[in-house]
Protein backbone atom coordinates (compact mmCIF):
# COMPACT_ATOMS: atom_id res chain seq x y z
CA UNK A 1 33.43 -46.19 36.84
CA UNK A 2 36.73 -45.18 35.24
CA UNK A 3 36.55 -41.93 33.31
CA UNK A 4 36.71 -42.52 29.59
CA UNK A 5 38.70 -40.45 27.14
CA UNK A 6 37.90 -39.91 23.47
CA UNK A 7 39.05 -42.75 21.21
CA UNK A 8 39.83 -41.38 17.73
CA UNK A 9 40.57 -44.89 16.43
CA UNK A 10 36.91 -45.95 16.77
CA UNK A 11 33.96 -45.02 14.55
CA UNK A 12 30.43 -46.01 15.54
CA UNK A 13 28.21 -46.39 12.47
CA UNK A 14 24.59 -46.12 13.59
CA UNK A 15 21.79 -47.44 11.37
CA UNK A 16 18.62 -45.70 12.51
CA UNK A 17 14.98 -45.67 11.32
CA UNK A 18 14.52 -41.90 11.30
CA UNK A 19 16.13 -38.74 9.97
CA UNK A 20 18.28 -36.52 12.13
CA UNK A 21 15.81 -33.75 11.36
CA UNK A 22 12.87 -35.80 12.63
CA UNK A 23 11.04 -35.83 15.95
CA UNK A 24 13.59 -36.19 18.75
CA UNK A 25 13.74 -39.67 20.24
CA UNK A 26 16.13 -41.92 22.13
CA UNK A 27 18.58 -42.09 19.23
CA UNK A 28 18.81 -38.30 19.06
CA UNK A 29 19.77 -38.25 22.73
CA UNK A 30 22.20 -41.18 22.76
CA UNK A 31 24.25 -40.89 19.59
CA UNK A 32 25.44 -37.25 19.83
CA UNK A 33 26.50 -37.87 23.43
CA UNK A 34 28.27 -41.06 22.39
CA UNK A 35 30.44 -38.91 20.13
CA UNK A 36 32.16 -37.61 23.25
CA UNK A 37 33.89 -40.99 23.33
CA UNK A 38 34.03 -42.15 19.68
CA UNK A 39 33.48 -40.84 16.18
CA UNK A 40 29.78 -41.37 15.42
CA UNK A 41 28.15 -41.55 12.00
CA UNK A 42 24.34 -41.36 11.95
CA UNK A 43 23.07 -43.17 8.82
CA UNK A 44 19.64 -41.84 7.89
CA UNK A 45 17.14 -44.33 6.44
CA UNK A 46 17.48 -44.83 2.71
CA UNK A 47 14.33 -43.45 0.99
CA UNK A 48 12.53 -45.12 -1.87
CA UNK A 49 13.14 -43.69 -5.33
CA UNK A 50 9.90 -41.67 -5.40
CA UNK A 51 10.70 -40.00 -2.09
CA UNK A 52 14.33 -39.46 -3.10
CA UNK A 53 13.36 -37.57 -6.23
CA UNK A 54 10.42 -35.63 -4.86
CA UNK A 55 11.96 -34.39 -1.60
CA UNK A 56 15.58 -34.07 -2.63
CA UNK A 57 18.55 -34.59 -0.35
CA UNK A 58 18.25 -33.54 3.29
CA UNK A 59 20.86 -31.51 5.09
CA UNK A 60 21.70 -32.19 8.74
CA UNK A 61 19.91 -30.05 11.30
CA UNK A 62 21.91 -27.47 13.17
CA UNK A 63 22.82 -28.48 16.69
CA UNK A 64 22.24 -31.72 18.52
CA UNK A 65 21.20 -33.18 21.81
CA UNK A 66 24.25 -32.75 24.01
CA UNK A 67 27.75 -31.57 23.15
CA UNK A 68 29.62 -33.57 20.56
CA UNK A 69 32.72 -31.53 19.66
CA UNK A 70 32.53 -32.22 15.93
CA UNK A 71 32.86 -36.00 16.21
CA UNK A 72 29.21 -36.54 15.25
CA UNK A 73 28.12 -36.49 11.60
CA UNK A 74 25.07 -37.42 9.55
CA UNK A 75 25.12 -39.54 6.40
CA UNK A 76 22.33 -38.39 4.08
CA UNK A 77 21.58 -40.49 1.02
CA UNK A 78 22.03 -39.47 -2.56
CA UNK A 79 19.02 -39.53 -4.85
CA UNK A 80 21.17 -41.69 -7.12
CA UNK A 81 21.17 -44.56 -4.62
CA UNK A 82 17.52 -44.95 -3.55
CA UNK A 83 16.20 -47.98 -1.74
CA UNK A 84 14.73 -50.46 -4.22
CA UNK A 85 12.96 -53.75 -3.52
CA UNK A 86 12.77 -55.18 -7.03
CA UNK A 87 14.27 -56.35 -9.22
CA UNK A 88 16.32 -58.06 -6.55
CA UNK A 89 19.69 -57.79 -8.30
CA UNK A 90 19.26 -54.00 -8.71
CA UNK A 91 18.13 -53.61 -5.10
CA UNK A 92 21.17 -55.51 -3.82
CA UNK A 93 23.51 -53.55 -6.09
CA UNK A 94 22.25 -50.13 -4.99
CA UNK A 95 22.13 -51.15 -1.32
CA UNK A 96 25.70 -52.39 -1.55
CA UNK A 97 26.82 -49.14 -3.16
CA UNK A 98 25.20 -47.17 -0.37
CA UNK A 99 26.92 -49.25 2.31
CA UNK A 100 30.26 -48.85 0.52
CA UNK A 101 29.79 -45.07 0.72
CA UNK A 102 28.96 -45.34 4.42
CA UNK A 103 32.07 -47.42 5.12
CA UNK A 104 34.24 -44.99 3.13
CA UNK A 105 32.81 -42.06 5.10
CA UNK A 106 33.67 -43.83 8.36
CA UNK A 107 37.22 -44.60 7.22
CA UNK A 108 37.66 -40.94 6.28
CA UNK A 109 37.55 -40.10 10.00
CA UNK A 110 40.88 -41.90 10.32
CA UNK A 111 39.49 -44.67 12.51
CA UNK A 112 40.88 -48.19 12.47
CA UNK A 113 38.01 -49.90 14.29
CA UNK A 114 34.35 -50.04 13.31
CA UNK A 115 31.37 -50.52 15.63
CA UNK A 116 28.08 -51.27 13.86
CA UNK A 117 25.25 -49.90 16.02
CA UNK A 118 21.89 -51.22 14.78
CA UNK A 119 18.57 -49.75 15.98
CA UNK A 120 16.04 -51.94 14.14
CA UNK A 121 15.94 -55.60 13.06
CA UNK A 122 15.65 -54.70 9.36
CA UNK A 123 19.18 -53.33 9.40
CA UNK A 124 20.70 -56.66 10.44
CA UNK A 125 22.03 -57.30 6.94
CA UNK A 126 24.76 -54.68 7.44
CA UNK A 127 26.58 -57.16 9.67
CA UNK A 128 27.38 -59.17 6.54
CA UNK A 129 28.21 -56.21 4.33
CA UNK A 130 30.52 -53.96 6.38
CA UNK A 131 33.66 -55.29 8.07
CA UNK A 132 33.54 -54.42 11.74
CA UNK A 133 35.13 -55.06 15.12
CA UNK A 134 31.98 -54.98 17.25
CA UNK A 135 28.23 -55.13 16.63
CA UNK A 136 25.54 -53.62 18.85
CA UNK A 137 21.75 -53.86 18.80
CA UNK A 138 19.85 -51.23 20.82
CA UNK A 139 16.18 -51.95 21.59
CA UNK A 140 14.27 -48.80 22.54
CA UNK A 141 10.75 -49.99 21.73
CA UNK A 142 8.61 -53.07 21.08
CA UNK A 143 9.01 -53.11 17.32
CA UNK A 144 5.96 -55.26 16.64
CA UNK A 145 3.89 -52.25 17.83
CA UNK A 146 1.13 -54.77 18.47
CA UNK A 147 -1.58 -54.01 21.02
CA UNK A 148 -1.86 -57.76 21.69
CA UNK A 149 1.00 -60.00 22.75
CA UNK A 150 2.89 -61.55 19.83
CA UNK A 151 5.93 -63.84 19.87
CA UNK A 152 9.37 -62.47 19.12
CA UNK A 153 10.01 -62.41 15.36
CA UNK A 154 12.64 -64.68 13.87
CA UNK A 155 14.28 -61.63 12.31
CA UNK A 156 14.78 -59.95 15.67
CA UNK A 157 15.76 -63.07 17.62
CA UNK A 158 18.28 -63.94 14.90
CA UNK A 159 19.82 -60.49 15.09
CA UNK A 160 20.03 -60.62 18.89
CA UNK A 161 21.87 -63.93 18.72
CA UNK A 162 24.36 -62.61 16.15
CA UNK A 163 25.42 -59.28 17.64
CA UNK A 164 28.17 -58.90 20.22
CA UNK A 165 26.21 -56.59 22.53
CA UNK A 166 22.53 -55.80 23.19
CA UNK A 167 21.11 -52.79 25.05
CA UNK A 168 17.46 -52.83 26.17
CA UNK A 169 15.56 -49.82 27.48
CA UNK A 170 12.72 -51.25 29.64
CA UNK A 171 12.34 -53.95 32.27
CA UNK A 172 9.37 -55.40 30.37
CA UNK A 173 11.50 -55.96 27.28
CA UNK A 174 14.34 -57.28 29.44
CA UNK A 175 11.98 -59.95 30.72
CA UNK A 176 10.82 -60.79 27.20
CA UNK A 177 14.13 -60.60 25.31
CA UNK A 178 16.99 -60.26 27.78
CA UNK A 179 17.74 -64.00 27.88
CA UNK A 180 18.55 -64.36 24.18
CA UNK A 181 22.06 -62.87 24.23
CA UNK A 182 24.28 -63.24 27.29
CA UNK A 183 25.82 -59.84 26.55
CA UNK A 184 22.65 -57.85 27.23
CA UNK A 185 22.56 -54.75 29.38
CA UNK A 186 19.65 -52.71 30.70
CA UNK A 187 19.99 -49.01 29.80
CA UNK A 188 16.82 -47.12 30.78
CA UNK A 189 15.67 -43.96 29.06
CA UNK A 190 16.89 -40.70 30.50
CA UNK A 191 16.58 -36.93 30.53
CA UNK A 192 18.63 -33.85 29.85
CA UNK A 193 18.41 -33.05 33.54
CA UNK A 194 20.01 -29.60 33.46
CA UNK A 195 17.63 -28.43 30.69
CA UNK A 196 14.49 -29.40 32.62
CA UNK A 197 15.71 -28.43 36.09
CA UNK A 198 16.96 -24.96 35.09
CA UNK A 199 14.21 -22.33 35.36
CA UNK A 200 12.95 -20.90 32.05
CA UNK A 201 10.60 -17.95 31.38
CA UNK A 202 6.95 -18.75 30.83
CA UNK A 203 6.19 -19.28 27.11
CA UNK A 204 4.03 -16.56 25.57
CA UNK A 205 1.35 -18.97 24.28
CA UNK A 206 1.02 -20.45 27.77
CA UNK A 207 0.82 -17.17 29.66
CA UNK A 208 -2.79 -16.45 28.79
CA UNK A 209 -4.09 -19.86 29.88
CA UNK A 210 -5.66 -19.86 33.33
CA UNK A 211 -4.83 -22.45 35.96
CA UNK A 212 -4.82 -25.02 37.18
CA UNK A 213 -3.01 -26.33 34.11
CA UNK A 214 -3.05 -30.06 33.37
CA UNK A 215 -0.58 -30.99 30.64
CA UNK A 216 0.53 -33.71 28.30
CA UNK A 217 3.84 -32.98 26.52
CA UNK A 218 4.73 -35.26 23.63
CA UNK A 219 3.49 -36.67 20.35
CA UNK A 220 -0.30 -37.04 20.29
CA UNK A 221 -0.78 -40.61 19.04
CA UNK A 222 -3.11 -43.59 19.11
CA UNK A 223 -1.27 -45.17 22.06
CA UNK A 224 -2.84 -42.48 24.26
CA UNK A 225 -6.20 -43.11 25.88
CA UNK A 226 -7.74 -40.13 24.11
CA UNK A 227 -11.26 -41.16 25.12
CA UNK A 228 -10.44 -40.93 28.83
CA UNK A 229 -8.51 -37.70 28.28
CA UNK A 230 -11.57 -36.23 26.54
CA UNK A 231 -13.97 -37.38 29.25
CA UNK A 232 -11.85 -35.89 32.03
CA UNK A 233 -11.28 -32.60 30.19
CA UNK A 234 -14.94 -32.09 29.30
CA UNK A 235 -16.11 -32.92 32.81
CA UNK A 236 -13.74 -30.48 34.55
CA UNK A 237 -14.11 -27.21 32.69
CA UNK A 238 -12.58 -25.41 35.69
CA UNK A 239 -9.23 -26.97 34.74
CA UNK A 240 -7.20 -26.06 31.65
CA UNK A 241 -5.95 -29.06 29.66
CA UNK A 242 -2.86 -28.34 27.58
CA UNK A 243 -1.44 -30.63 24.90
CA UNK A 244 2.05 -29.70 23.71
CA UNK A 245 3.33 -31.65 20.72
CA UNK A 246 2.64 -32.66 17.13
CA UNK A 247 -0.38 -34.75 16.19
CA UNK A 248 0.83 -38.11 14.91
CA UNK A 249 -1.10 -41.25 14.03
CA UNK A 250 -4.41 -41.14 15.94
CA UNK A 251 -5.99 -43.91 13.87
CA UNK A 252 -9.58 -44.51 14.99
CA UNK A 253 -9.41 -41.83 17.69
CA UNK A 254 -9.50 -38.57 15.78
CA UNK A 255 -13.07 -37.81 16.94
CA UNK A 256 -11.95 -37.80 20.60
CA UNK A 257 -9.29 -35.23 19.76
CA UNK A 258 -11.80 -33.18 17.78
CA UNK A 259 -14.14 -33.14 20.79
CA UNK A 260 -11.30 -31.81 22.92
CA UNK A 261 -10.35 -29.14 20.40
CA UNK A 262 -13.91 -27.79 20.48
CA UNK A 263 -13.81 -27.34 24.25
CA UNK A 264 -12.84 -23.92 25.61
CA UNK A 265 -10.69 -25.43 28.37
CA UNK A 266 -8.50 -27.53 26.04
CA UNK A 267 -5.52 -25.96 24.25
CA UNK A 268 -3.45 -27.73 21.60
CA UNK A 269 -0.23 -25.74 21.33
CA UNK A 270 1.43 -27.79 18.58
CA UNK A 271 4.99 -28.98 18.10
CA UNK A 272 7.86 -27.25 19.87
CA UNK A 273 11.61 -27.47 19.48
CA UNK A 274 13.70 -29.55 21.84
CA UNK A 275 15.01 -26.38 23.49
CA UNK A 276 11.51 -24.98 24.04
CA UNK A 277 9.94 -28.01 25.75
CA UNK A 278 11.38 -27.59 29.29
CA UNK A 279 9.66 -24.22 29.74
CA UNK A 280 6.25 -25.74 29.03
CA UNK A 281 6.74 -28.52 31.57
CA UNK A 282 7.95 -26.04 34.19
CA UNK A 283 4.90 -23.76 33.89
CA UNK A 284 2.06 -26.26 34.33
CA UNK A 285 0.63 -27.73 37.52
CA UNK A 286 0.21 -31.47 36.85
CA UNK A 287 1.84 -33.54 34.08
CA UNK A 288 0.08 -36.59 32.63
CA UNK A 289 0.82 -39.82 30.76
CA UNK A 290 -2.62 -41.17 29.90
CA UNK A 291 -1.77 -44.28 27.86
CA UNK A 292 -3.90 -47.17 26.76
CA UNK A 293 -3.12 -50.21 28.87
CA UNK A 294 -2.28 -53.00 26.42
CA UNK A 295 0.50 -55.39 25.42
CA UNK A 296 2.43 -52.69 23.59
CA UNK A 297 2.39 -50.01 26.29
CA UNK A 298 3.56 -52.52 28.92
CA UNK A 299 6.92 -52.50 27.13
CA UNK A 300 7.42 -48.76 26.60
CA UNK A 301 9.55 -46.41 28.67
CA UNK A 302 8.11 -42.90 28.16
CA UNK A 303 10.79 -40.30 27.50
CA UNK A 304 8.61 -37.67 29.15
CA UNK A 305 8.63 -39.47 32.53
CA UNK A 306 12.02 -38.18 33.66
CA UNK A 307 11.48 -34.85 31.91
CA UNK A 308 8.42 -34.25 34.08
CA UNK A 309 10.28 -35.39 37.19
CA UNK A 310 13.35 -33.26 36.43
CA UNK A 311 11.09 -30.20 36.43
CA UNK A 312 9.84 -31.32 39.85
CA UNK A 313 6.22 -31.58 38.68
CA UNK A 314 3.52 -33.93 40.03
CA UNK A 315 2.92 -36.77 37.57
CA UNK A 316 -0.20 -38.87 37.02
CA UNK A 317 0.09 -41.90 34.74
CA UNK A 318 -1.70 -44.98 33.56
CA UNK A 319 -0.15 -47.84 35.61
CA UNK A 320 1.98 -49.30 32.82
CA UNK A 321 4.80 -51.61 33.85
CA UNK A 322 7.82 -49.31 33.54
CA UNK A 323 6.18 -46.37 35.29
CA UNK A 324 4.96 -48.54 38.20
CA UNK A 325 8.62 -48.84 39.18
CA UNK A 326 8.48 -45.14 40.12
CA UNK A 327 5.44 -45.36 42.39
CA UNK A 328 7.26 -43.33 45.04
CA UNK A 329 7.10 -40.23 42.83
CA UNK A 330 4.24 -40.96 40.39
CA UNK A 331 0.49 -41.22 41.03
CA UNK A 332 -1.66 -43.66 39.02
CA UNK A 333 -5.12 -43.67 37.46
CA UNK A 334 -7.05 -45.84 35.02
CA UNK A 335 -10.70 -44.82 34.70
CA UNK A 336 -11.95 -41.27 34.14
CA UNK A 337 -13.08 -41.09 37.78
CA UNK A 338 -9.64 -42.20 38.98
CA UNK A 339 -8.00 -39.60 36.73
CA UNK A 340 -10.13 -36.78 38.12
CA UNK A 341 -9.39 -37.86 41.70
CA UNK A 342 -5.64 -38.27 41.09
CA UNK A 343 -5.29 -34.90 39.37
CA UNK A 344 -7.20 -33.18 42.16
CA UNK A 345 -4.96 -34.90 44.73
CA UNK A 346 -1.84 -33.67 42.94
CA UNK A 347 -3.07 -30.10 42.79
CA UNK A 348 -3.06 -29.94 46.59
CA UNK A 349 -0.29 -28.44 48.65
CA UNK A 350 1.05 -31.73 50.01
CA UNK A 351 1.94 -32.87 46.48
CA UNK A 352 3.88 -29.68 45.84
CA UNK A 353 6.12 -29.30 48.88
CA UNK A 354 9.83 -28.68 48.52
CA UNK A 355 10.46 -32.22 49.76
CA UNK A 356 8.21 -33.79 47.10
CA UNK A 357 9.80 -31.70 44.38
CA UNK A 358 13.29 -32.69 45.47
CA UNK A 359 12.31 -36.37 45.62
CA UNK A 360 11.18 -36.24 41.99
CA UNK A 361 14.29 -34.42 40.85
CA UNK A 362 16.55 -36.84 42.71
CA UNK A 363 15.10 -39.73 40.70
CA UNK A 364 15.44 -37.80 37.42
CA UNK A 365 19.03 -36.82 38.18
CA UNK A 366 19.97 -40.50 38.43
CA UNK A 367 18.64 -40.94 34.89
CA UNK A 368 20.53 -38.12 33.23
CA UNK A 369 21.37 -39.04 29.63
CA UNK A 370 25.04 -38.28 30.24
CA UNK A 371 25.21 -41.07 32.83
CA UNK A 372 23.32 -43.53 30.63
CA UNK A 373 25.49 -42.86 27.59
CA UNK A 374 28.66 -43.15 29.65
CA UNK A 375 27.53 -46.67 30.59
CA UNK A 376 26.99 -47.47 26.92
CA UNK A 377 30.40 -46.06 25.98
CA UNK A 378 32.11 -47.96 28.79
CA UNK A 379 30.52 -51.22 27.66
CA UNK A 380 31.57 -50.65 24.04
CA UNK A 381 35.10 -49.70 25.03
CA UNK A 382 35.46 -52.75 27.27
CA UNK A 383 34.14 -55.07 24.57
CA UNK A 384 36.57 -53.63 22.02
CA UNK A 385 39.52 -54.03 24.39
CA UNK A 386 38.48 -57.55 25.30
C-alpha cells in the first residue's frame, strides 16, 4: 500500500447519529484518524427544538481518538436551526439552512473537493442538497436493530445504490448487503492497539476486588444475555464478576441486573473514559461477551473483541457469527453450564501462557484502527483520483 500524504484540497463531511461528546463508537475511532489524510468535519445530529432550547449548544470535547493535527472539527447546531418535522415547508427551510452552514464551514477549510460520508440511511437526503465529488455510506451496525430477521429497508437499499462507495464492518452484513453496490469494501472494526497493549497501573476501584476477576467492559444493554450472566455470577460466588461501563437500555431485563447488583461478588464500576478503559481490561483474568443469540447480534462486530485481545486476555463469548471467525483465540459458550465450564477452562495456566497471549495480540495488532482507516483513506483517495 502506497503511503498517503495529507490532501488539503479535500474535506470529508461526516453525517453521524451521535454527538462527539457521546459514548465512543466506531465513528469516534474512524473520523479523527481520517483527518490525518483529509480535512474532516463531524456534523452532530440536529436536535429537535425542545432539546435545542433546553440543553443549549454543545461544545466539542477535548481530545479525540487518535492524532488529528487540527484537521478534525465538530459542527454543533445552533438553537436557531432546530430539526422540525412539520409544517413541511418550515422543516425543509430550516434543514436547508443548516446544510448551507455545513457546506460553508467545509469551504472555509480551503478545500476544493467535498466527500459526503453518511453513517445512517436517514441522512441520505444530503446527497441532493450539498454539491460533492464523492459519496460514502459506512455501515457499522444492523440499523433495523431487530431481534428477528427483517428485509433490507427501501431507504437503505436506495442509499446504497446511489452512493459511490460503501464500507461494511461485519461479514454477516457483507453477506446480506454487500451485493447491492459493486463498490463495497469490508472494513472490520479495530482497536487502539498501543493503548491496550501498553501496561497501565491497576485502577484504584479494581484493586480491592479479589480474584479471579471475570469482566465485561462496555455498555450494559438489552443485547446482552443478562439472565445467563446473572445465573453464572450467582452460582460461582468464589469468582468476582466486574461490569465496567454505563447502563444503557436494558428493556425487560432490569431485574436480572438488579439481582446481580445485590450479590456480593458482582461489582458495577460505572462508565469510564476512553483513556481509562485499557487498565481495567489489563487487570482482570477473563473477559466476556455474553450476548443474546438472535438475528441482530449475528450482524454485530463487538468493539471490545480486539480490545480484549490486544491486552492478551482470555476471551469467552457467545458464538455469534463475527466472533466465530476468531475461534483460534476465543472460547465459546451458550448455556450457563457452558459459561461456567469455559470460564474455568480459561482461568487455567494453559490459557495464560506467553504463547497464548502473543497469539491474541498478534490478531489484535492486525486490526489496529490506524491500518483500517488507512484502507478507508486509500479507497477514498483512489476514487477521487479516478
